N, C-alpha and C. Protein backbone atom coordinates (compact mmCIF):
# COMPACT_ATOMS: atom_id res chain seq x y z
N MET A 1 23.13 132.39 115.83
CA MET A 1 22.58 132.21 114.53
C MET A 1 21.12 132.01 114.61
N PRO A 2 20.52 132.71 113.77
CA PRO A 2 18.91 132.56 113.69
C PRO A 2 18.56 131.06 113.47
N LEU A 3 17.55 130.57 114.30
CA LEU A 3 17.24 129.17 114.11
C LEU A 3 16.85 128.75 112.71
N LYS A 4 16.23 129.61 112.02
CA LYS A 4 15.87 129.18 110.65
C LYS A 4 16.97 128.84 109.74
N ILE A 5 18.12 129.46 110.05
CA ILE A 5 19.29 129.04 109.13
C ILE A 5 20.38 128.37 109.75
N ASP A 6 20.17 127.84 111.04
CA ASP A 6 21.11 127.05 111.77
C ASP A 6 21.34 125.73 111.23
N VAL A 7 22.43 125.46 110.58
CA VAL A 7 22.65 124.18 109.97
C VAL A 7 23.59 123.24 110.85
N ARG A 8 23.89 123.59 112.01
CA ARG A 8 24.70 122.75 112.80
C ARG A 8 24.09 121.29 113.11
N SER A 9 22.87 121.24 113.18
CA SER A 9 22.22 119.79 113.37
C SER A 9 22.49 119.02 112.04
N ILE A 10 22.55 119.56 110.86
CA ILE A 10 22.80 118.84 109.70
C ILE A 10 24.32 118.38 109.67
N ILE A 11 25.15 119.30 110.02
CA ILE A 11 26.54 118.95 110.15
C ILE A 11 26.94 117.97 111.07
N SER A 12 26.38 118.07 112.32
CA SER A 12 26.62 117.03 113.18
C SER A 12 26.05 115.74 112.86
N ALA A 13 24.89 115.69 112.23
CA ALA A 13 24.27 114.35 111.67
C ALA A 13 25.08 113.70 110.68
N HIS A 14 25.72 114.62 109.83
CA HIS A 14 26.66 114.07 108.76
C HIS A 14 27.85 113.44 109.47
N PHE A 15 28.51 114.12 110.39
CA PHE A 15 29.75 113.43 110.99
C PHE A 15 29.37 112.21 111.87
N ARG A 16 28.19 112.09 112.35
CA ARG A 16 27.76 110.99 113.03
C ARG A 16 27.68 109.83 112.15
N THR A 17 27.51 110.06 110.74
CA THR A 17 27.49 108.93 109.89
C THR A 17 28.83 108.43 109.44
N LEU A 18 29.90 109.08 109.89
CA LEU A 18 31.28 108.69 109.59
C LEU A 18 31.89 107.81 110.65
N VAL A 19 30.95 106.95 111.23
CA VAL A 19 31.59 106.04 112.29
C VAL A 19 31.38 104.62 111.87
N ASP A 20 32.14 103.63 112.51
CA ASP A 20 31.99 102.33 112.19
C ASP A 20 30.84 101.84 113.01
N ASP A 21 29.87 101.05 112.42
CA ASP A 21 28.83 100.53 113.22
C ASP A 21 29.16 99.68 114.38
N ASN A 22 30.22 99.05 114.36
CA ASN A 22 30.55 98.08 115.41
C ASN A 22 31.17 98.88 116.47
N THR A 23 32.20 99.80 116.25
CA THR A 23 32.89 100.44 117.31
C THR A 23 32.28 101.85 117.69
N GLN A 24 31.32 102.45 116.88
CA GLN A 24 30.79 103.77 117.06
C GLN A 24 31.87 104.85 117.09
N ARG A 25 32.99 104.62 116.39
CA ARG A 25 34.05 105.55 116.26
C ARG A 25 34.49 105.75 114.85
N ALA A 26 34.91 106.85 114.50
CA ALA A 26 35.43 107.06 113.10
C ALA A 26 36.78 106.23 112.94
N GLY A 27 36.86 105.47 111.86
CA GLY A 27 37.92 104.71 111.52
C GLY A 27 39.08 105.65 110.92
N VAL A 28 40.33 105.08 110.85
CA VAL A 28 41.40 105.76 110.28
C VAL A 28 41.07 106.16 108.79
N SER A 29 40.45 105.16 108.08
CA SER A 29 40.23 105.42 106.66
C SER A 29 39.21 106.54 106.51
N ASP A 30 38.31 106.78 107.38
CA ASP A 30 37.39 107.96 107.41
C ASP A 30 38.13 109.36 107.57
N TRP A 31 39.08 109.25 108.54
CA TRP A 31 39.84 110.49 108.66
C TRP A 31 40.69 110.74 107.57
N VAL A 32 41.32 109.73 106.86
CA VAL A 32 42.08 110.04 105.67
C VAL A 32 41.35 110.47 104.59
N THR A 33 40.13 109.87 104.40
CA THR A 33 39.24 110.16 103.13
C THR A 33 38.66 111.57 103.31
N PHE A 34 38.18 111.88 104.54
CA PHE A 34 37.38 113.15 104.66
C PHE A 34 38.06 114.20 105.41
N LEU A 35 39.36 114.09 105.69
CA LEU A 35 40.16 115.22 106.19
C LEU A 35 41.49 115.31 105.56
N LEU A 36 42.26 114.08 105.66
CA LEU A 36 43.72 114.25 105.21
C LEU A 36 43.83 114.48 103.74
N LEU A 37 43.19 113.65 102.94
CA LEU A 37 43.25 113.80 101.48
C LEU A 37 42.78 115.20 100.98
N PRO A 38 41.68 115.63 101.50
CA PRO A 38 41.26 117.09 100.97
C PRO A 38 42.35 118.10 101.42
N LEU A 39 42.85 117.99 102.65
CA LEU A 39 43.90 118.89 103.12
C LEU A 39 45.10 118.77 102.17
N ALA A 40 45.56 117.54 101.93
CA ALA A 40 46.79 117.39 101.15
C ALA A 40 46.52 117.85 99.64
N ALA A 41 45.41 117.61 99.12
CA ALA A 41 45.23 118.04 97.73
C ALA A 41 45.18 119.65 97.79
N ALA A 42 44.47 120.27 98.59
CA ALA A 42 44.40 121.63 98.72
C ALA A 42 45.72 122.30 98.85
N GLY A 43 46.44 121.69 99.77
CA GLY A 43 47.86 122.19 100.13
C GLY A 43 48.74 122.09 98.92
N GLY A 44 48.46 120.90 98.25
CA GLY A 44 49.32 120.61 97.03
C GLY A 44 49.09 121.70 95.86
N LEU A 45 47.86 122.00 95.74
CA LEU A 45 47.51 122.91 94.65
C LEU A 45 47.98 124.33 94.94
N VAL A 46 47.80 124.70 96.18
CA VAL A 46 48.24 126.05 96.60
C VAL A 46 49.69 126.05 96.63
N GLY A 47 50.41 124.98 97.08
CA GLY A 47 51.82 124.84 96.97
C GLY A 47 52.46 125.09 95.60
N LEU A 48 51.69 124.50 94.58
CA LEU A 48 52.20 124.59 93.28
C LEU A 48 51.75 125.93 92.59
N GLY A 49 51.07 126.80 93.48
CA GLY A 49 50.71 128.19 92.89
C GLY A 49 49.47 128.22 92.14
N ALA A 50 48.59 127.16 92.25
CA ALA A 50 47.42 127.08 91.57
C ALA A 50 46.33 127.85 92.17
N TYR A 51 46.45 129.17 92.28
CA TYR A 51 45.45 129.98 92.90
C TYR A 51 44.21 130.13 92.05
N MET A 52 43.05 130.51 92.63
CA MET A 52 41.83 130.68 91.88
C MET A 52 41.91 131.73 90.90
N SER A 53 41.72 131.44 89.62
CA SER A 53 41.63 132.53 88.66
C SER A 53 40.21 132.73 88.41
N GLU A 54 39.90 133.69 87.47
CA GLU A 54 38.46 134.06 87.13
C GLU A 54 37.88 132.92 86.48
N ASN A 55 38.75 132.23 85.55
CA ASN A 55 38.11 130.97 84.85
C ASN A 55 37.75 129.98 85.82
N ILE A 56 38.62 129.63 86.79
CA ILE A 56 38.40 128.51 87.80
C ILE A 56 37.22 128.88 88.63
N LEU A 57 37.20 130.16 88.89
CA LEU A 57 36.05 130.67 89.71
C LEU A 57 34.74 130.46 88.99
N SER A 58 34.67 130.73 87.87
CA SER A 58 33.44 130.62 87.07
C SER A 58 33.04 129.11 86.96
N THR A 59 33.97 128.29 86.75
CA THR A 59 33.68 126.85 86.77
C THR A 59 33.25 126.33 88.12
N VAL A 60 33.86 126.71 89.14
CA VAL A 60 33.54 126.31 90.58
C VAL A 60 32.15 126.75 90.88
N VAL A 61 31.90 127.98 90.72
CA VAL A 61 30.44 128.45 91.02
C VAL A 61 29.41 127.81 90.14
N SER A 62 29.71 127.60 88.78
CA SER A 62 28.65 126.93 88.03
C SER A 62 28.54 125.44 88.48
N ALA A 63 29.57 124.76 88.72
CA ALA A 63 29.45 123.38 89.09
C ALA A 63 28.75 123.25 90.42
N PHE A 64 29.18 124.02 91.43
CA PHE A 64 28.59 123.86 92.67
C PHE A 64 27.00 124.31 92.64
N SER A 65 26.69 125.28 91.81
CA SER A 65 25.31 125.76 91.70
C SER A 65 24.44 124.65 91.11
N ILE A 66 25.00 123.88 90.10
CA ILE A 66 24.26 122.78 89.50
C ILE A 66 24.13 121.64 90.55
N PHE A 67 25.21 121.38 91.38
CA PHE A 67 25.06 120.30 92.32
C PHE A 67 24.05 120.62 93.40
N VAL A 68 23.99 121.90 93.71
CA VAL A 68 22.83 122.23 94.78
C VAL A 68 21.44 121.78 94.27
N GLY A 69 21.27 122.17 92.93
CA GLY A 69 19.84 121.81 92.48
C GLY A 69 19.73 120.26 92.38
N LEU A 70 20.78 119.59 91.90
CA LEU A 70 20.62 118.13 91.79
C LEU A 70 20.46 117.53 93.18
N LEU A 71 21.25 117.94 94.12
CA LEU A 71 21.06 117.36 95.51
C LEU A 71 19.75 117.56 96.14
N LEU A 72 19.13 118.74 95.85
CA LEU A 72 17.83 118.99 96.30
C LEU A 72 16.87 118.04 95.74
N ASN A 73 17.01 117.58 94.42
CA ASN A 73 16.24 116.57 93.86
C ASN A 73 16.44 115.19 94.53
N VAL A 74 17.67 114.86 94.99
CA VAL A 74 17.91 113.71 95.66
C VAL A 74 17.18 113.68 96.98
N ILE A 75 17.04 114.77 97.68
CA ILE A 75 16.22 114.74 98.96
C ILE A 75 14.80 114.35 98.70
N VAL A 76 14.23 114.74 97.56
CA VAL A 76 12.89 114.40 97.19
C VAL A 76 12.88 112.89 97.05
N LEU A 77 13.78 112.27 96.29
CA LEU A 77 13.85 110.80 96.06
C LEU A 77 13.94 110.08 97.49
N LEU A 78 14.86 110.64 98.29
CA LEU A 78 14.97 110.02 99.71
C LEU A 78 13.65 110.07 100.37
N PHE A 79 13.01 111.21 100.31
CA PHE A 79 11.69 111.24 101.06
C PHE A 79 10.78 110.17 100.79
N GLU A 80 10.76 109.78 99.50
CA GLU A 80 9.89 108.60 99.03
C GLU A 80 10.34 107.35 99.72
N ILE A 81 11.65 107.13 99.75
CA ILE A 81 12.14 105.87 100.43
C ILE A 81 11.89 105.89 101.86
N VAL A 82 12.08 107.12 102.53
CA VAL A 82 11.83 107.14 103.98
C VAL A 82 10.43 106.68 104.26
N ARG A 83 9.40 107.03 103.46
CA ARG A 83 7.97 106.81 103.81
C ARG A 83 7.86 105.25 103.67
N ASN A 84 8.71 104.60 102.73
CA ASN A 84 8.56 103.21 102.55
C ASN A 84 9.35 102.31 103.47
N THR A 85 10.21 102.88 104.32
CA THR A 85 11.07 102.06 105.17
C THR A 85 10.77 102.18 106.70
N GLN A 86 9.70 102.65 106.97
CA GLN A 86 9.30 102.85 108.38
C GLN A 86 9.37 101.46 109.10
N GLN A 87 9.10 100.37 108.45
CA GLN A 87 9.06 99.04 109.06
C GLN A 87 10.44 98.37 109.00
N GLN A 88 11.36 98.84 108.36
CA GLN A 88 12.76 98.35 108.28
C GLN A 88 13.71 99.28 108.90
N PRO A 89 13.98 99.13 110.27
CA PRO A 89 14.90 99.94 110.95
C PRO A 89 16.26 100.20 110.46
N ARG A 90 16.88 99.21 110.04
CA ARG A 90 18.28 99.41 109.43
C ARG A 90 18.29 100.21 108.19
N LYS A 91 17.33 99.86 107.24
CA LYS A 91 17.33 100.61 106.09
C LYS A 91 16.80 102.04 106.31
N HIS A 92 16.01 102.18 107.19
CA HIS A 92 15.51 103.62 107.53
C HIS A 92 16.60 104.41 108.15
N ARG A 93 17.48 103.68 108.93
CA ARG A 93 18.58 104.48 109.48
C ARG A 93 19.62 104.90 108.30
N VAL A 94 19.75 104.00 107.38
CA VAL A 94 20.69 104.32 106.15
C VAL A 94 20.16 105.49 105.45
N VAL A 95 18.79 105.43 105.25
CA VAL A 95 18.25 106.52 104.49
C VAL A 95 18.41 107.89 105.21
N LYS A 96 18.25 107.87 106.45
CA LYS A 96 18.31 109.11 107.25
C LYS A 96 19.85 109.50 107.30
N GLN A 97 20.72 108.65 107.31
CA GLN A 97 22.09 108.91 107.22
C GLN A 97 22.46 109.57 105.78
N THR A 98 21.95 109.07 104.79
CA THR A 98 22.10 109.50 103.50
C THR A 98 21.46 110.91 103.21
N LEU A 99 20.40 111.13 103.85
CA LEU A 99 19.75 112.50 103.99
C LEU A 99 20.73 113.47 104.60
N ALA A 100 21.32 113.11 105.74
CA ALA A 100 22.35 113.98 106.47
C ALA A 100 23.49 114.26 105.46
N ASN A 101 23.97 113.25 104.83
CA ASN A 101 25.09 113.54 103.88
C ASN A 101 24.74 114.41 102.73
N VAL A 102 23.53 114.22 102.20
CA VAL A 102 23.12 115.16 101.06
C VAL A 102 22.98 116.54 101.61
N GLY A 103 22.44 116.69 102.82
CA GLY A 103 22.31 118.05 103.39
C GLY A 103 23.65 118.71 103.62
N PHE A 104 24.62 117.90 104.03
CA PHE A 104 26.01 118.44 104.23
C PHE A 104 26.67 118.73 102.95
N ALA A 105 26.35 118.00 101.87
CA ALA A 105 26.87 118.32 100.59
C ALA A 105 26.42 119.56 100.03
N ILE A 106 25.10 119.81 100.27
CA ILE A 106 24.38 121.07 99.82
C ILE A 106 25.07 122.25 100.59
N ILE A 107 25.36 122.14 101.98
CA ILE A 107 25.99 123.14 102.69
C ILE A 107 27.50 123.50 102.19
N LEU A 108 28.14 122.28 101.81
CA LEU A 108 29.46 122.44 101.35
C LEU A 108 29.49 123.21 100.04
N SER A 109 28.58 122.92 99.18
CA SER A 109 28.44 123.60 97.89
C SER A 109 28.14 125.08 98.11
N LEU A 110 27.24 125.50 98.98
CA LEU A 110 26.99 126.95 99.18
C LEU A 110 28.27 127.63 99.79
N LEU A 111 28.84 126.86 100.73
CA LEU A 111 30.06 127.44 101.38
C LEU A 111 31.25 127.58 100.30
N ALA A 112 31.37 126.64 99.55
CA ALA A 112 32.41 126.63 98.52
C ALA A 112 32.12 127.77 97.50
N ILE A 113 30.96 128.05 97.13
CA ILE A 113 30.73 129.11 96.25
C ILE A 113 31.12 130.47 96.99
N LEU A 114 30.64 130.63 98.18
CA LEU A 114 31.03 131.86 99.02
C LEU A 114 32.39 132.11 99.15
N VAL A 115 33.14 131.03 99.49
CA VAL A 115 34.59 131.22 99.64
C VAL A 115 35.32 131.39 98.33
N ALA A 116 34.82 130.67 97.31
CA ALA A 116 35.46 130.98 95.86
C ALA A 116 35.19 132.36 95.48
N LEU A 117 34.09 133.02 95.79
CA LEU A 117 33.90 134.39 95.45
C LEU A 117 34.93 135.30 96.19
N THR A 118 35.36 135.05 97.42
CA THR A 118 36.22 135.75 98.12
C THR A 118 37.56 135.77 97.59
N THR A 119 37.86 134.74 96.72
CA THR A 119 39.18 134.66 96.11
C THR A 119 39.43 135.85 95.14
N GLN A 120 38.44 136.56 94.81
CA GLN A 120 38.58 137.66 93.78
C GLN A 120 38.54 138.95 94.39
N ILE A 121 38.72 139.07 95.68
CA ILE A 121 38.78 140.33 96.33
C ILE A 121 40.25 140.87 96.07
N THR A 122 40.21 142.03 95.35
CA THR A 122 41.44 142.56 94.89
C THR A 122 42.05 143.44 95.91
N ARG A 123 41.38 143.87 96.82
CA ARG A 123 41.79 144.87 97.78
C ARG A 123 42.90 144.15 98.79
N TRP A 124 42.74 142.89 99.08
CA TRP A 124 43.60 142.25 99.96
C TRP A 124 44.19 141.03 99.18
N PRO A 125 45.19 141.17 98.33
CA PRO A 125 45.77 140.11 97.61
C PRO A 125 46.38 139.02 98.40
N PHE A 126 46.89 139.36 99.62
CA PHE A 126 47.57 138.33 100.51
C PHE A 126 46.59 137.25 100.88
N LEU A 127 45.19 137.56 100.76
CA LEU A 127 44.29 136.40 101.08
C LEU A 127 44.10 135.28 100.02
N LYS A 128 44.60 135.54 98.84
CA LYS A 128 44.26 134.69 97.68
C LYS A 128 44.84 133.27 97.93
N PRO A 129 46.00 132.99 98.60
CA PRO A 129 46.38 131.63 98.90
C PRO A 129 45.46 131.01 99.88
N TYR A 130 45.09 131.74 100.85
CA TYR A 130 44.19 131.14 101.92
C TYR A 130 42.83 130.78 101.43
N THR A 131 42.24 131.72 100.60
CA THR A 131 41.04 131.45 100.08
C THR A 131 41.00 130.40 99.09
N SER A 132 41.95 130.40 98.31
CA SER A 132 42.11 129.32 97.26
C SER A 132 42.35 127.99 97.89
N PHE A 133 43.13 127.87 99.05
CA PHE A 133 43.15 126.65 99.87
C PHE A 133 41.89 126.20 100.41
N ALA A 134 41.16 127.14 100.90
CA ALA A 134 39.75 126.77 101.55
C ALA A 134 38.88 126.39 100.40
N THR A 135 38.84 126.92 99.34
CA THR A 135 37.95 126.54 98.23
C THR A 135 38.39 125.09 97.76
N TYR A 136 39.62 124.86 97.47
CA TYR A 136 40.14 123.53 97.03
C TYR A 136 39.77 122.44 98.18
N PHE A 137 39.99 122.92 99.40
CA PHE A 137 39.66 121.92 100.48
C PHE A 137 38.09 121.54 100.55
N LEU A 138 37.23 122.51 100.30
CA LEU A 138 35.98 122.31 100.28
C LEU A 138 35.42 121.51 99.14
N ALA A 139 36.10 121.76 97.92
CA ALA A 139 35.79 121.00 96.66
C ALA A 139 36.07 119.54 96.87
N CYS A 140 37.31 119.23 97.55
CA CYS A 140 37.79 117.84 97.63
C CYS A 140 36.94 117.17 98.66
N LEU A 141 36.56 117.88 99.71
CA LEU A 141 35.67 117.33 100.78
C LEU A 141 34.29 116.98 100.15
N PHE A 142 33.77 117.92 99.21
CA PHE A 142 32.56 117.78 98.54
C PHE A 142 32.67 116.48 97.73
N ILE A 143 33.70 116.33 96.98
CA ILE A 143 33.84 115.15 96.08
C ILE A 143 33.78 113.76 96.91
N ALA A 144 34.57 113.79 98.10
CA ALA A 144 34.59 112.56 98.96
C ALA A 144 33.17 112.35 99.47
N THR A 145 32.49 113.34 99.86
CA THR A 145 31.07 113.14 100.37
C THR A 145 30.14 112.72 99.33
N LEU A 146 30.34 113.29 98.10
CA LEU A 146 29.46 112.93 97.04
C LEU A 146 29.74 111.41 96.59
N LEU A 147 30.91 111.11 96.62
CA LEU A 147 31.20 109.58 96.38
C LEU A 147 30.47 108.70 97.43
N MET A 148 30.50 109.14 98.63
CA MET A 148 29.79 108.25 99.73
C MET A 148 28.37 108.36 99.40
N ILE A 149 27.70 109.40 99.07
CA ILE A 149 26.34 109.55 98.85
C ILE A 149 26.06 108.60 97.54
N VAL A 150 26.75 108.67 96.55
CA VAL A 150 26.51 107.84 95.36
C VAL A 150 26.41 106.37 95.80
N LYS A 151 27.48 105.90 96.62
CA LYS A 151 27.56 104.48 97.01
C LYS A 151 26.35 104.20 97.90
N ARG A 152 25.94 105.05 98.80
CA ARG A 152 24.72 104.74 99.65
C ARG A 152 23.58 104.64 98.73
N LEU A 153 23.28 105.64 97.83
CA LEU A 153 22.07 105.65 96.98
C LEU A 153 22.02 104.31 96.06
N TYR A 154 23.25 103.91 95.63
CA TYR A 154 23.28 102.86 94.79
C TYR A 154 22.78 101.60 95.55
N ASN A 155 23.37 101.39 96.80
CA ASN A 155 22.95 100.26 97.66
C ASN A 155 21.49 100.27 97.93
N LEU A 156 20.94 101.59 98.31
CA LEU A 156 19.57 101.68 98.64
C LEU A 156 18.68 101.37 97.44
N PHE A 157 19.01 101.83 96.37
CA PHE A 157 18.26 101.38 95.17
C PHE A 157 18.29 99.94 94.67
N LEU A 158 19.42 99.34 94.87
CA LEU A 158 19.53 97.99 94.64
C LEU A 158 18.60 97.19 95.63
N ASP A 159 18.62 97.54 96.87
CA ASP A 159 17.71 96.96 97.90
C ASP A 159 16.33 97.20 97.56
N GLU A 160 15.91 98.44 97.17
CA GLU A 160 14.54 98.71 96.96
C GLU A 160 14.11 97.95 95.84
N ALA A 161 14.96 97.77 94.72
CA ALA A 161 14.64 97.00 93.54
C ALA A 161 14.38 95.49 93.92
N SER A 162 15.19 95.01 94.80
CA SER A 162 14.96 93.54 95.24
C SER A 162 13.70 93.41 96.09
N VAL A 163 13.32 94.47 96.75
CA VAL A 163 12.01 94.37 97.65
C VAL A 163 10.85 94.46 96.77
N GLN A 164 10.90 95.22 95.57
CA GLN A 164 9.78 95.39 94.66
C GLN A 164 9.47 94.12 93.99
N GLY A 165 10.03 93.04 94.20
CA GLY A 165 9.61 91.70 93.55
C GLY A 165 10.46 91.32 92.38
N SER A 166 11.41 92.26 91.99
CA SER A 166 12.18 91.75 90.87
C SER A 166 13.39 90.83 91.47
N PRO A 167 14.04 90.26 90.56
CA PRO A 167 15.21 89.38 90.95
C PRO A 167 16.25 90.22 91.78
N PRO A 168 16.91 89.72 92.59
CA PRO A 168 17.92 90.48 93.39
C PRO A 168 18.90 91.19 92.39
N ALA A 169 18.89 92.39 92.52
CA ALA A 169 19.83 93.25 91.73
C ALA A 169 21.29 93.21 92.48
N ARG A 170 22.19 92.61 91.84
CA ARG A 170 23.58 92.59 92.45
C ARG A 170 24.55 93.02 91.52
N PRO A 171 25.63 93.54 91.96
CA PRO A 171 26.78 93.92 90.99
C PRO A 171 27.20 92.69 90.21
N PRO A 172 27.62 93.04 88.95
CA PRO A 172 27.89 91.88 88.03
C PRO A 172 29.01 90.88 88.51
N ASP A 173 29.82 91.32 89.37
CA ASP A 173 30.93 90.39 89.83
C ASP A 173 30.38 89.32 90.82
N GLU A 174 29.16 89.45 91.24
CA GLU A 174 28.51 88.42 92.07
C GLU A 174 27.72 87.43 91.22
N TRP A 175 27.74 87.54 90.09
CA TRP A 175 27.03 86.64 89.21
C TRP A 175 28.05 85.84 88.40
N VAL A 176 27.82 84.56 88.29
CA VAL A 176 28.84 83.69 87.58
C VAL A 176 28.14 82.94 86.46
N PRO A 177 28.88 82.82 85.30
CA PRO A 177 28.30 81.97 84.20
C PRO A 177 28.26 80.60 84.46
N LEU A 178 27.18 79.78 84.12
CA LEU A 178 27.19 78.32 84.21
C LEU A 178 27.73 77.75 82.78
N ASP A 179 27.77 76.45 82.68
CA ASP A 179 28.40 75.84 81.51
C ASP A 179 27.57 76.36 80.23
N GLY A 180 26.31 76.59 80.26
CA GLY A 180 25.56 77.06 79.02
C GLY A 180 25.71 78.48 78.80
N GLY A 181 26.31 79.24 79.69
CA GLY A 181 26.58 80.62 79.62
C GLY A 181 25.54 81.48 80.21
N GLU A 182 24.47 80.88 80.86
CA GLU A 182 23.53 81.73 81.54
C GLU A 182 24.11 82.21 82.92
N LEU A 183 23.61 83.15 83.41
CA LEU A 183 24.21 83.90 84.65
C LEU A 183 23.32 83.36 85.81
N VAL A 184 23.92 82.80 86.87
CA VAL A 184 23.15 82.58 88.03
C VAL A 184 23.96 83.19 89.17
N GLU A 185 23.11 83.45 90.31
CA GLU A 185 23.70 84.15 91.56
C GLU A 185 24.75 83.13 92.04
N HIS A 186 25.78 83.69 92.41
CA HIS A 186 26.94 82.88 93.16
C HIS A 186 26.59 82.89 94.63
N LYS A 187 26.67 81.66 95.19
CA LYS A 187 26.23 81.65 96.64
C LYS A 187 27.37 81.35 97.47
C-alpha cells in the first residue's frame, strides 16, 4: 500500500486504546462491545432479510459523509488540547488515544460508504447478504467507537474546564443539595 494512504498505524493505535490500563489487555467487555455486539446486530439484521435497499444506502452514505466532516473538526479541537497537555502525561496520553479513535472512526465511515455502495451491484445479486452484513457490522462498530469518543471528549472537556479556573465541572449525580437547597460537591 502506498505510504501516503497507509492507515494501518491509525488502526493499530485505535486497537491499543482498547486495553485495560492495569492489565494491558483487552477486557471481555471490550470484546463484547467492539466485536460481538456489532457481529450479532449485523447477523440479526441480515438473518431477518434486512438487506440494503436504495433508501437505506442513501441514508448510510449521507450519514457517514456528514460524520467524516464532523470528525475532521474534532481532530482540530484535539490538536488544541494536545498543545496544552504537554506537561500532563496522563491527559496527553488520553488525548492521543482519542485522536486514534477519531481517526479510526473516519476510516470506518469511509469503508462503510464503499461497502454500502457495493450492495447495489446488480450483476452479482448473491453478494447482497454479505455486503449488507459488512455494512451493518461497520455501522455498529462505528456507533460503539463514536460512543467511546463522546465519553472521552466529555471527560477531557470537563477536565479542561476545571483546569481553566472554573469550579470543577462534575456530572450532576456527584453534587448533592444541602438543607438550604444549594448544591455542594459531595466528598
